[in-house]
């Protein structure tokens, strides 16, 4: 049995044909190119899904369902993207359109929650009844996993950790606030703050990490501020949600123990009345969203894994 999985991003659309044991049989990537307009992106999603379905059929494993993970604010029950800024979608009933296009049942979910589901079943969250999946990349978000399932919240916006204010009156955020965690500790913010401090434009967060590791004073300062802000955000989330572990993903997780080591210490310092949750690096990398979409699709199939 196979399913089709699609993970829509502002830069790339990741797709896969996945077997019922989670094995990826085929995988493809396409450029999203949101500059073409929202309608063109929708056409790309539909066309790529059909391409994956054809690949599966030609391999003798016709798909039974499809799963779609998307960014932004979503209504998972209705299958609608309410607002996704990076692909310029508003009130798009994408699940219905994809189901009609493929002639298959379609599961629909938020990309970070789908990634959290994948880490819960296949990655660093295995064996944990309660954990946070926190991708730290261009932005910062979180999926709250409880009893193995993502918590959505009243408006479908649970887990917007990147918009927790950790530096009141700080840099403006795209959400309209100031001093949000995302403005300090995302990869974008690391690069921006380093450029502001040093005047060196075009330096990536990965390069800032390498320079900090190499002993450069300015880079080390930015890296320490990043760790402090993340620790503040994760401490607040821990006090409110009491997770057993926190799984860090996204591009900044590529720093490994250079991030996780000091982050563990800083988090423990803030949680004076209780032990900190386990802090682990995500295991699935960029595949988390598409694997999560596949798991959502498999849940639709009678006899599929739960």
C-alpha atoms as a PDB file:
ATOM      1  CA  UNK A   1       0.000   0.000   0.000  1.00  0.00           C
ATOM      2  CA  UNK A   2       1.258   3.487  -0.809  1.00  0.00           C
ATOM      3  CA  UNK A   3       0.214   7.080  -0.294  1.00  0.00           C
ATOM      4  CA  UNK A   4       1.282  10.378  -1.830  1.00  0.00           C
ATOM      5  CA  UNK A   5       2.798  13.038   0.420  1.00  0.00           C
ATOM      6  CA  UNK A   6       3.262  16.729  -0.340  1.00  0.00           C
ATOM      7  CA  UNK A   7       4.932  19.394   1.811  1.00  0.00           C
ATOM      8  CA  UNK A   8       4.390  22.920   0.471  1.00  0.00           C
ATOM      9  CA  UNK A   9       7.037  25.528   1.277  1.00  0.00           C
ATOM     10  CA  UNK A  10       7.729  29.037   0.123  1.00  0.00           C
ATOM     11  CA  UNK A  11      10.814  27.898  -1.794  1.00  0.00           C
ATOM     12  CA  UNK A  12      10.247  24.223  -2.516  1.00  0.00           C
ATOM     13  CA  UNK A  13       7.465  21.704  -2.828  1.00  0.00           C
ATOM     14  CA  UNK A  14       8.641  18.342  -1.514  1.00  0.00           C
ATOM     15  CA  UNK A  15       6.794  15.244  -2.652  1.00  0.00           C
ATOM     16  CA  UNK A  16       7.062  11.528  -2.051  1.00  0.00           C
ATOM     17  CA  UNK A  17       5.441   8.164  -2.613  1.00  0.00           C
ATOM     18  CA  UNK A  18       5.503   6.420   0.761  1.00  0.00           C
ATOM     19  CA  UNK A  19       4.786   2.826   1.756  1.00  0.00           C
ATOM     20  CA  UNK A  20       2.696   1.920   4.790  1.00  0.00           C
ATOM     21  CA  UNK A  21       5.819   1.243   6.884  1.00  0.00           C
ATOM     22  CA  UNK A  22       7.097   4.786   6.281  1.00  0.00           C
ATOM     23  CA  UNK A  23       9.590   3.806   3.583  1.00  0.00           C
ATOM     24  CA  UNK A  24       9.989   6.497   0.924  1.00  0.00           C
ATOM     25  CA  UNK A  25       9.735   4.761  -2.460  1.00  0.00           C
ATOM     26  CA  UNK A  26       9.997   7.856  -4.654  1.00  0.00           C
ATOM     27  CA  UNK A  27      10.829  11.441  -3.788  1.00  0.00           C
ATOM     28  CA  UNK A  28      10.818  14.614  -5.842  1.00  0.00           C
ATOM     29  CA  UNK A  29      11.335  18.359  -5.338  1.00  0.00           C
ATOM     30  CA  UNK A  30       9.966  21.238  -7.339  1.00  0.00           C
ATOM     31  CA  UNK A  31      10.404  24.998  -7.042  1.00  0.00           C
ATOM     32  CA  UNK A  32       7.304  26.661  -5.604  1.00  0.00           C
ATOM     33  CA  UNK A  33       8.006  30.054  -7.232  1.00  0.00           C
ATOM     34  CA  UNK A  34       5.347  32.089  -5.405  1.00  0.00           C
ATOM     35  CA  UNK A  35       6.311  35.137  -7.491  1.00  0.00           C
ATOM     36  CA  UNK A  36       4.083  33.675 -10.235  1.00  0.00           C
ATOM     37  CA  UNK A  37       0.988  34.269  -8.099  1.00  0.00           C
ATOM     38  CA  UNK A  38      -1.194  32.090  -5.860  1.00  0.00           C
ATOM     39  CA  UNK A  39      -3.054  30.421  -8.722  1.00  0.00           C
ATOM     40  CA  UNK A  40       0.169  29.230 -10.326  1.00  0.00           C
ATOM     41  CA  UNK A  41       1.341  27.726  -7.028  1.00  0.00           C
ATOM     42  CA  UNK A  42      -1.952  25.870  -6.681  1.00  0.00           C
ATOM     43  CA  UNK A  43      -1.534  24.523 -10.225  1.00  0.00           C
ATOM     44  CA  UNK A  44       1.965  23.364  -9.333  1.00  0.00           C
ATOM     45  CA  UNK A  45       0.700  21.484  -6.268  1.00  0.00           C
ATOM     46  CA  UNK A  46      -2.032  19.770  -8.269  1.00  0.00           C
ATOM     47  CA  UNK A  47       0.287  18.923 -11.157  1.00  0.00           C
ATOM     48  CA  UNK A  48       3.040  17.549  -8.932  1.00  0.00           C
ATOM     49  CA  UNK A  49       0.561  15.428  -6.996  1.00  0.00           C
ATOM     50  CA  UNK A  50      -0.670  13.924 -10.270  1.00  0.00           C
ATOM     51  CA  UNK A  51       2.923  13.273 -11.323  1.00  0.00           C
ATOM     52  CA  UNK A  52       3.596  11.371  -8.086  1.00  0.00           C
ATOM     53  CA  UNK A  53       0.401   9.355  -8.491  1.00  0.00           C
ATOM     54  CA  UNK A  54       1.485   8.382 -12.020  1.00  0.00           C
ATOM     55  CA  UNK A  55       4.920   7.337 -10.732  1.00  0.00           C
ATOM     56  CA  UNK A  56       3.291   5.115  -8.119  1.00  0.00           C
ATOM     57  CA  UNK A  57       0.940   3.500 -10.625  1.00  0.00           C
ATOM     58  CA  UNK A  58       3.735   2.800 -13.107  1.00  0.00           C
ATOM     59  CA  UNK A  59       5.665   1.109 -10.293  1.00  0.00           C
ATOM     60  CA  UNK A  60       2.692  -1.161  -9.637  1.00  0.00           C
ATOM     61  CA  UNK A  61       1.820   0.460  -6.306  1.00  0.00           C
ATOM     62  CA  UNK A  62      -1.200   2.723  -6.944  1.00  0.00           C
ATOM     63  CA  UNK A  63      -1.773   5.197  -4.101  1.00  0.00           C
ATOM     64  CA  UNK A  64      -4.696   4.804  -1.719  1.00  0.00           C
ATOM     65  CA  UNK A  65      -4.683   8.364  -0.364  1.00  0.00           C
ATOM     66  CA  UNK A  66      -2.719  11.600  -0.328  1.00  0.00           C
ATOM     67  CA  UNK A  67      -1.458  13.844   2.450  1.00  0.00           C
ATOM     68  CA  UNK A  68      -0.804  17.559   2.175  1.00  0.00           C
ATOM     69  CA  UNK A  69       1.148  19.710   4.660  1.00  0.00           C
ATOM     70  CA  UNK A  70       1.019  23.483   4.230  1.00  0.00           C
ATOM     71  CA  UNK A  71       2.371  26.559   6.059  1.00  0.00           C
ATOM     72  CA  UNK A  72       0.472  29.454   7.561  1.00  0.00           C
ATOM     73  CA  UNK A  73      -2.836  29.620   9.382  1.00  0.00           C
ATOM     74  CA  UNK A  74      -5.014  26.672   8.469  1.00  0.00           C
ATOM     75  CA  UNK A  75      -8.429  25.199   9.248  1.00  0.00           C
ATOM     76  CA  UNK A  76      -7.539  21.524   9.357  1.00  0.00           C
ATOM     77  CA  UNK A  77     -11.139  20.353   9.788  1.00  0.00           C
ATOM     78  CA  UNK A  78     -12.298  22.262   6.697  1.00  0.00           C
ATOM     79  CA  UNK A  79      -9.145  21.527   4.690  1.00  0.00           C
ATOM     80  CA  UNK A  80      -8.627  25.226   4.024  1.00  0.00           C
ATOM     81  CA  UNK A  81      -5.593  27.487   4.093  1.00  0.00           C
ATOM     82  CA  UNK A  82      -6.849  30.640   5.767  1.00  0.00           C
ATOM     83  CA  UNK A  83      -3.645  32.585   5.188  1.00  0.00           C
ATOM     84  CA  UNK A  84      -0.189  31.509   4.035  1.00  0.00           C
ATOM     85  CA  UNK A  85       1.961  34.570   3.426  1.00  0.00           C
ATOM     86  CA  UNK A  86       4.896  32.805   1.792  1.00  0.00           C
ATOM     87  CA  UNK A  87       2.717  31.389  -1.018  1.00  0.00           C
ATOM     88  CA  UNK A  88       0.140  34.232  -0.966  1.00  0.00           C
ATOM     89  CA  UNK A  89      -2.822  31.950  -0.276  1.00  0.00           C
ATOM     90  CA  UNK A  90      -5.982  33.197   1.405  1.00  0.00           C
ATOM     91  CA  UNK A  91      -9.093  31.079   2.002  1.00  0.00           C
ATOM     92  CA  UNK A  92      -7.917  28.325  -0.356  1.00  0.00           C
ATOM     93  CA  UNK A  93      -9.897  25.031  -0.051  1.00  0.00           C
ATOM     94  CA  UNK A  94      -6.865  23.097  -1.212  1.00  0.00           C
ATOM     95  CA  UNK A  95      -7.866  19.714   0.252  1.00  0.00           C
ATOM     96  CA  UNK A  96     -11.093  19.632  -1.752  1.00  0.00           C
ATOM     97  CA  UNK A  97      -9.354  20.700  -4.953  1.00  0.00           C
ATOM     98  CA  UNK A  98      -6.601  18.112  -4.543  1.00  0.00           C
ATOM     99  CA  UNK A  99      -9.085  15.326  -3.770  1.00  0.00           C
ATOM    100  CA  UNK A 100     -11.079  16.175  -6.895  1.00  0.00           C
ATOM    101  CA  UNK A 101      -7.909  16.367  -8.993  1.00  0.00           C
ATOM    102  CA  UNK A 102      -6.565  12.986  -7.855  1.00  0.00           C
ATOM    103  CA  UNK A 103      -9.789  11.108  -7.189  1.00  0.00           C
ATOM    104  CA  UNK A 104      -8.353  10.093  -3.820  1.00  0.00           C
ATOM    105  CA  UNK A 105      -9.086  10.874  -0.172  1.00  0.00           C
ATOM    106  CA  UNK A 106      -6.769  13.632   1.033  1.00  0.00           C
ATOM    107  CA  UNK A 107      -5.499  14.325   4.544  1.00  0.00           C
ATOM    108  CA  UNK A 108      -4.562  17.902   5.344  1.00  0.00           C
ATOM    109  CA  UNK A 109      -2.417  19.471   8.040  1.00  0.00           C
ATOM    110  CA  UNK A 110      -0.126  22.287   9.092  1.00  0.00           C
ATOM    111  CA  UNK A 111       3.476  21.712   8.024  1.00  0.00           C
ATOM    112  CA  UNK A 112       5.036  22.057  11.491  1.00  0.00           C
ATOM    113  CA  UNK A 113       2.393  19.867  13.136  1.00  0.00           C
ATOM    114  CA  UNK A 114       2.895  17.306  10.376  1.00  0.00           C
ATOM    115  CA  UNK A 115       6.638  17.408  11.061  1.00  0.00           C
ATOM    116  CA  UNK A 116       5.954  16.932  14.755  1.00  0.00           C
ATOM    117  CA  UNK A 117       3.771  13.915  14.009  1.00  0.00           C
ATOM    118  CA  UNK A 118       6.578  12.399  11.942  1.00  0.00           C
ATOM    119  CA  UNK A 119       9.116  12.973  14.714  1.00  0.00           C
ATOM    120  CA  UNK A 120       6.625  11.425  17.187  1.00  0.00           C
ATOM    121  CA  UNK A 121       6.260   8.201  15.226  1.00  0.00           C
ATOM    122  CA  UNK A 122       9.496   7.896  13.276  1.00  0.00           C
ATOM    123  CA  UNK A 123      12.040  10.272  14.826  1.00  0.00           C
ATOM    124  CA  UNK A 124      13.324  11.828  18.030  1.00  0.00           C
ATOM    125  CA  UNK A 125       9.891  11.879  19.692  1.00  0.00           C
ATOM    126  CA  UNK A 126       9.441   8.104  19.666  1.00  0.00           C
ATOM    127  CA  UNK A 127       8.431   6.786  23.062  1.00  0.00           C
ATOM    128  CA  UNK A 128       7.428  10.205  24.404  1.00  0.00           C
ATOM    129  CA  UNK A 129       3.833  10.888  25.396  1.00  0.00           C
ATOM    130  CA  UNK A 130       4.331  14.647  25.488  1.00  0.00           C
ATOM    131  CA  UNK A 131       6.908  16.730  23.656  1.00  0.00           C
ATOM    132  CA  UNK A 132       7.498  19.894  21.663  1.00  0.00           C
ATOM    133  CA  UNK A 133       8.854  19.862  18.129  1.00  0.00           C
ATOM    134  CA  UNK A 134      10.548  23.222  17.530  1.00  0.00           C
ATOM    135  CA  UNK A 135      11.943  23.947  14.050  1.00  0.00           C
ATOM    136  CA  UNK A 136      14.366  26.882  14.187  1.00  0.00           C
ATOM    137  CA  UNK A 137      15.053  28.055  10.655  1.00  0.00           C
ATOM    138  CA  UNK A 138      13.962  31.048   8.597  1.00  0.00           C
ATOM    139  CA  UNK A 139      11.292  31.434  11.265  1.00  0.00           C
ATOM    140  CA  UNK A 140      10.472  29.653  14.516  1.00  0.00           C
ATOM    141  CA  UNK A 141       7.390  27.588  15.248  1.00  0.00           C
ATOM    142  CA  UNK A 142       6.432  24.656  17.431  1.00  0.00           C
ATOM    143  CA  UNK A 143       4.179  21.633  17.386  1.00  0.00           C
ATOM    144  CA  UNK A 144       2.714  20.564  20.717  1.00  0.00           C
ATOM    145  CA  UNK A 145       2.414  16.758  20.748  1.00  0.00           C
ATOM    146  CA  UNK A 146       0.158  15.148  23.364  1.00  0.00           C
ATOM    147  CA  UNK A 147      -0.597  11.437  23.400  1.00  0.00           C
ATOM    148  CA  UNK A 148       1.130  11.213  20.027  1.00  0.00           C
ATOM    149  CA  UNK A 149      -1.107  13.761  18.297  1.00  0.00           C
ATOM    150  CA  UNK A 150      -0.544  17.457  17.516  1.00  0.00           C
ATOM    151  CA  UNK A 151      -2.612  19.960  19.492  1.00  0.00           C
ATOM    152  CA  UNK A 152      -4.254  22.509  17.171  1.00  0.00           C
ATOM    153  CA  UNK A 153      -5.878  24.995  19.574  1.00  0.00           C
ATOM    154  CA  UNK A 154      -9.106  26.966  19.246  1.00  0.00           C
ATOM    155  CA  UNK A 155      -8.026  28.858  16.103  1.00  0.00           C
ATOM    156  CA  UNK A 156      -5.661  26.252  14.689  1.00  0.00           C
ATOM    157  CA  UNK A 157      -2.695  28.363  15.797  1.00  0.00           C
ATOM    158  CA  UNK A 158      -1.288  26.389  18.743  1.00  0.00           C
ATOM    159  CA  UNK A 159       2.492  26.395  18.855  1.00  0.00           C
ATOM    160  CA  UNK A 160       3.304  29.869  17.498  1.00  0.00           C
ATOM    161  CA  UNK A 161       6.362  29.980  19.724  1.00  0.00           C
ATOM    162  CA  UNK A 162       8.182  32.324  17.363  1.00  0.00           C
ATOM    163  CA  UNK A 163       5.738  35.080  18.290  1.00  0.00           C
ATOM    164  CA  UNK A 164       6.223  34.800  22.018  1.00  0.00           C
ATOM    165  CA  UNK A 165       7.682  38.141  23.144  1.00  0.00           C
ATOM    166  CA  UNK A 166      11.062  37.535  24.774  1.00  0.00           C
ATOM    167  CA  UNK A 167      12.610  41.007  24.295  1.00  0.00           C
ATOM    168  CA  UNK A 168       9.885  43.622  24.943  1.00  0.00           C
ATOM    169  CA  UNK A 169      10.341  46.673  22.742  1.00  0.00           C
ATOM    170  CA  UNK A 170      12.835  44.851  20.544  1.00  0.00           C
ATOM    171  CA  UNK A 171      12.981  44.498  16.788  1.00  0.00           C
ATOM    172  CA  UNK A 172       9.694  44.631  14.857  1.00  0.00           C
ATOM    173  CA  UNK A 173       8.249  41.298  13.797  1.00  0.00           C
ATOM    174  CA  UNK A 174       6.222  40.396  10.710  1.00  0.00           C
ATOM    175  CA  UNK A 175       3.318  39.545  13.023  1.00  0.00           C
ATOM    176  CA  UNK A 176       3.071  43.209  14.067  1.00  0.00           C
ATOM    177  CA  UNK A 177       4.650  42.747  17.485  1.00  0.00           C
ATOM    178  CA  UNK A 178       8.101  43.673  18.731  1.00  0.00           C
ATOM    179  CA  UNK A 179      10.765  41.536  20.376  1.00  0.00           C
ATOM    180  CA  UNK A 180       9.266  38.199  19.359  1.00  0.00           C
ATOM    181  CA  UNK A 181      11.512  35.152  19.685  1.00  0.00           C
ATOM    182  CA  UNK A 182      11.678  34.937  15.884  1.00  0.00           C
ATOM    183  CA  UNK A 183      13.256  38.404  15.707  1.00  0.00           C
ATOM    184  CA  UNK A 184      16.178  37.264  17.864  1.00  0.00           C
ATOM    185  CA  UNK A 185      16.783  33.555  17.411  1.00  0.00           C
ATOM    186  CA  UNK A 186      15.675  32.528  13.918  1.00  0.00           C
ATOM    187  CA  UNK A 187      18.335  31.940  11.259  1.00  0.00           C
ATOM    188  CA  UNK A 188      17.160  35.107   9.531  1.00  0.00           C
ATOM    189  CA  UNK A 189      17.525  37.100  12.732  1.00  0.00           C
ATOM    190  CA  UNK A 190      20.983  35.684  13.484  1.00  0.00           C
ATOM    191  CA  UNK A 191      22.226  36.800  10.058  1.00  0.00           C
ATOM    192  CA  UNK A 192      20.552  40.208  10.347  1.00  0.00           C
ATOM    193  CA  UNK A 193      21.860  40.958  13.834  1.00  0.00           C
ATOM    194  CA  UNK A 194      25.386  39.882  12.911  1.00  0.00           C
ATOM    195  CA  UNK A 195      25.331  42.186   9.883  1.00  0.00           C
ATOM    196  CA  UNK A 196      24.073  45.050  12.042  1.00  0.00           C
ATOM    197  CA  UNK A 197      26.820  44.468  14.601  1.00  0.00           C
ATOM    198  CA  UNK A 198      29.712  44.014  12.170  1.00  0.00           C
ATOM    199  CA  UNK A 199      28.598  45.667   8.925  1.00  0.00           C
ATOM    200  CA  UNK A 200      29.269  42.386   7.086  1.00  0.00           C
ATOM    201  CA  UNK A 201      26.281  41.794   4.838  1.00  0.00           C
ATOM    202  CA  UNK A 202      25.376  38.439   3.337  1.00  0.00           C
ATOM    203  CA  UNK A 203      26.677  36.306   6.213  1.00  0.00           C
ATOM    204  CA  UNK A 204      24.403  33.330   6.877  1.00  0.00           C
ATOM    205  CA  UNK A 205      23.468  31.958  10.287  1.00  0.00           C
ATOM    206  CA  UNK A 206      25.530  28.861   9.482  1.00  0.00           C
ATOM    207  CA  UNK A 207      28.566  31.070   8.894  1.00  0.00           C
ATOM    208  CA  UNK A 208      27.914  32.968  12.128  1.00  0.00           C
ATOM    209  CA  UNK A 209      27.918  29.626  13.947  1.00  0.00           C
ATOM    210  CA  UNK A 210      31.201  28.605  12.325  1.00  0.00           C
ATOM    211  CA  UNK A 211      32.811  31.930  13.231  1.00  0.00           C
ATOM    212  CA  UNK A 212      31.548  31.708  16.800  1.00  0.00           C
ATOM    213  CA  UNK A 213      32.956  28.176  17.057  1.00  0.00           C
ATOM    214  CA  UNK A 214      36.233  29.510  15.697  1.00  0.00           C
ATOM    215  CA  UNK A 215      36.447  32.120  18.437  1.00  0.00           C
ATOM    216  CA  UNK A 216      35.345  35.306  16.669  1.00  0.00           C
ATOM    217  CA  UNK A 217      34.121  37.666  19.395  1.00  0.00           C
ATOM    218  CA  UNK A 218      31.260  39.301  17.468  1.00  0.00           C
ATOM    219  CA  UNK A 219      29.881  35.988  16.217  1.00  0.00           C
ATOM    220  CA  UNK A 220      30.159  34.467  19.689  1.00  0.00           C
ATOM    221  CA  UNK A 221      28.168  37.384  21.090  1.00  0.00           C
ATOM    222  CA  UNK A 222      25.354  36.906  18.552  1.00  0.00           C
ATOM    223  CA  UNK A 223      25.353  33.141  19.152  1.00  0.00           C
ATOM    224  CA  UNK A 224      25.139  33.585  22.935  1.00  0.00           C
ATOM    225  CA  UNK A 225      22.248  36.040  22.551  1.00  0.00           C
ATOM    226  CA  UNK A 226      20.494  33.532  20.297  1.00  0.00           C
ATOM    227  CA  UNK A 227      20.863  30.755  22.887  1.00  0.00           C
ATOM    228  CA  UNK A 228      19.616  33.046  25.661  1.00  0.00           C
ATOM    229  CA  UNK A 229      16.508  34.028  23.705  1.00  0.00           C
ATOM    230  CA  UNK A 230      15.741  30.414  22.780  1.00  0.00           C
ATOM    231  CA  UNK A 231      16.163  29.391  26.407  1.00  0.00           C
ATOM    232  CA  UNK A 232      13.728  32.114  27.484  1.00  0.00           C
ATOM    233  CA  UNK A 233      11.147  30.933  24.968  1.00  0.00           C
ATOM    234  CA  UNK A 234      11.566  27.248  25.747  1.00  0.00           C
ATOM    235  CA  UNK A 235      11.455  27.895  29.506  1.00  0.00           C
ATOM    236  CA  UNK A 236       8.112  29.670  29.119  1.00  0.00           C
ATOM    237  CA  UNK A 237       6.778  26.820  26.983  1.00  0.00           C
ATOM    238  CA  UNK A 238       8.006  24.269  29.525  1.00  0.00           C
ATOM    239  CA  UNK A 239       6.339  26.006  32.454  1.00  0.00           C
ATOM    240  CA  UNK A 240       3.037  26.166  30.566  1.00  0.00           C
ATOM    241  CA  UNK A 241       3.021  22.776  28.849  1.00  0.00           C
ATOM    242  CA  UNK A 242       5.317  20.504  30.918  1.00  0.00           C
ATOM    243  CA  UNK A 243       6.724  18.506  27.956  1.00  0.00           C
ATOM    244  CA  UNK A 244       8.792  15.388  28.612  1.00  0.00           C
ATOM    245  CA  UNK A 245      11.218  16.412  25.866  1.00  0.00           C
ATOM    246  CA  UNK A 246      11.872  19.162  23.342  1.00  0.00           C
ATOM    247  CA  UNK A 247      12.996  18.225  19.833  1.00  0.00           C
ATOM    248  CA  UNK A 248      14.879  20.982  17.990  1.00  0.00           C
ATOM    249  CA  UNK A 249      14.771  20.923  14.190  1.00  0.00           C
ATOM    250  CA  UNK A 250      15.267  23.348  11.333  1.00  0.00           C
ATOM    251  CA  UNK A 251      18.459  24.787   9.924  1.00  0.00           C
ATOM    252  CA  UNK A 252      19.914  25.986  13.230  1.00  0.00           C
ATOM    253  CA  UNK A 253      19.755  22.423  14.574  1.00  0.00           C
ATOM    254  CA  UNK A 254      22.595  21.708  12.153  1.00  0.00           C
ATOM    255  CA  UNK A 255      24.888  23.316  14.741  1.00  0.00           C
ATOM    256  CA  UNK A 256      24.387  20.192  16.851  1.00  0.00           C
ATOM    257  CA  UNK A 257      25.869  20.333  20.337  1.00  0.00           C
ATOM    258  CA  UNK A 258      27.204  23.850  19.727  1.00  0.00           C
ATOM    259  CA  UNK A 259      23.554  24.863  20.042  1.00  0.00           C
ATOM    260  CA  UNK A 260      22.056  22.101  22.171  1.00  0.00           C
ATOM    261  CA  UNK A 261      24.805  22.005  24.799  1.00  0.00           C
ATOM    262  CA  UNK A 262      24.606  25.644  25.927  1.00  0.00           C
ATOM    263  CA  UNK A 263      20.847  25.620  25.381  1.00  0.00           C
ATOM    264  CA  UNK A 264      20.461  22.728  27.855  1.00  0.00           C
ATOM    265  CA  UNK A 265      22.483  24.628  30.454  1.00  0.00           C
ATOM    266  CA  UNK A 266      20.602  27.889  29.916  1.00  0.00           C
ATOM    267  CA  UNK A 267      17.240  26.148  30.080  1.00  0.00           C
ATOM    268  CA  UNK A 268      18.170  24.383  33.320  1.00  0.00           C
ATOM    269  CA  UNK A 269      19.235  27.717  34.862  1.00  0.00           C
ATOM    270  CA  UNK A 270      15.789  29.177  34.153  1.00  0.00           C
ATOM    271  CA  UNK A 271      13.789  26.223  35.466  1.00  0.00           C
ATOM    272  CA  UNK A 272      14.815  26.572  39.078  1.00  0.00           C
ATOM    273  CA  UNK A 273      11.878  24.668  40.574  1.00  0.00           C
ATOM    274  CA  UNK A 274      11.856  21.609  38.302  1.00  0.00           C
ATOM    275  CA  UNK A 275      14.129  19.477  36.120  1.00  0.00           C
ATOM    276  CA  UNK A 276      14.295  20.574  32.492  1.00  0.00           C
ATOM    277  CA  UNK A 277      12.821  18.434  29.717  1.00  0.00           C
ATOM    278  CA  UNK A 278      15.181  16.381  27.588  1.00  0.00           C
ATOM    279  CA  UNK A 279      16.530  18.420  24.702  1.00  0.00           C
ATOM    280  CA  UNK A 280      17.207  16.488  21.502  1.00  0.00           C
ATOM    281  CA  UNK A 281      18.038  17.200  17.890  1.00  0.00           C
ATOM    282  CA  UNK A 282      15.338  16.228  15.365  1.00  0.00           C
ATOM    283  CA  UNK A 283      16.144  13.093  13.388  1.00  0.00           C
ATOM    284  CA  UNK A 284      14.173  13.555  10.160  1.00  0.00           C
ATOM    285  CA  UNK A 285      15.563  16.863   8.885  1.00  0.00           C
ATOM    286  CA  UNK A 286      13.881  18.357   5.822  1.00  0.00           C
ATOM    287  CA  UNK A 287      11.854  15.139   5.335  1.00  0.00           C
ATOM    288  CA  UNK A 288       9.744  15.682   8.457  1.00  0.00           C
ATOM    289  CA  UNK A 289       6.922  17.615   6.756  1.00  0.00           C
ATOM    290  CA  UNK A 290       6.442  15.203   3.857  1.00  0.00           C
ATOM    291  CA  UNK A 291       6.708  12.150   6.120  1.00  0.00           C
ATOM    292  CA  UNK A 292       4.118  13.709   8.407  1.00  0.00           C
ATOM    293  CA  UNK A 293       1.845  14.299   5.423  1.00  0.00           C
ATOM    294  CA  UNK A 294       2.288  10.626   4.509  1.00  0.00           C
ATOM    295  CA  UNK A 295       1.344   9.535   8.026  1.00  0.00           C
ATOM    296  CA  UNK A 296      -1.788  11.692   7.907  1.00  0.00           C
ATOM    297  CA  UNK A 297      -2.700  10.032   4.613  1.00  0.00           C
ATOM    298  CA  UNK A 298      -2.047   6.538   5.989  1.00  0.00           C
ATOM    299  CA  UNK A 299      -4.393   7.321   8.875  1.00  0.00           C
ATOM    300  CA  UNK A 300      -7.189   7.741   6.306  1.00  0.00           C
ATOM    301  CA  UNK A 301      -6.705   4.255   4.890  1.00  0.00           C
ATOM    302  CA  UNK A 302      -8.622   1.405   6.561  1.00  0.00           C
ATOM    303  CA  UNK A 303      -6.104  -0.851   8.255  1.00  0.00           C
ATOM    304  CA  UNK A 304      -3.356   1.785   8.015  1.00  0.00           C
ATOM    305  CA  UNK A 305      -1.043   2.545  10.950  1.00  0.00           C
ATOM    306  CA  UNK A 306      -2.324   4.705  13.779  1.00  0.00           C
END
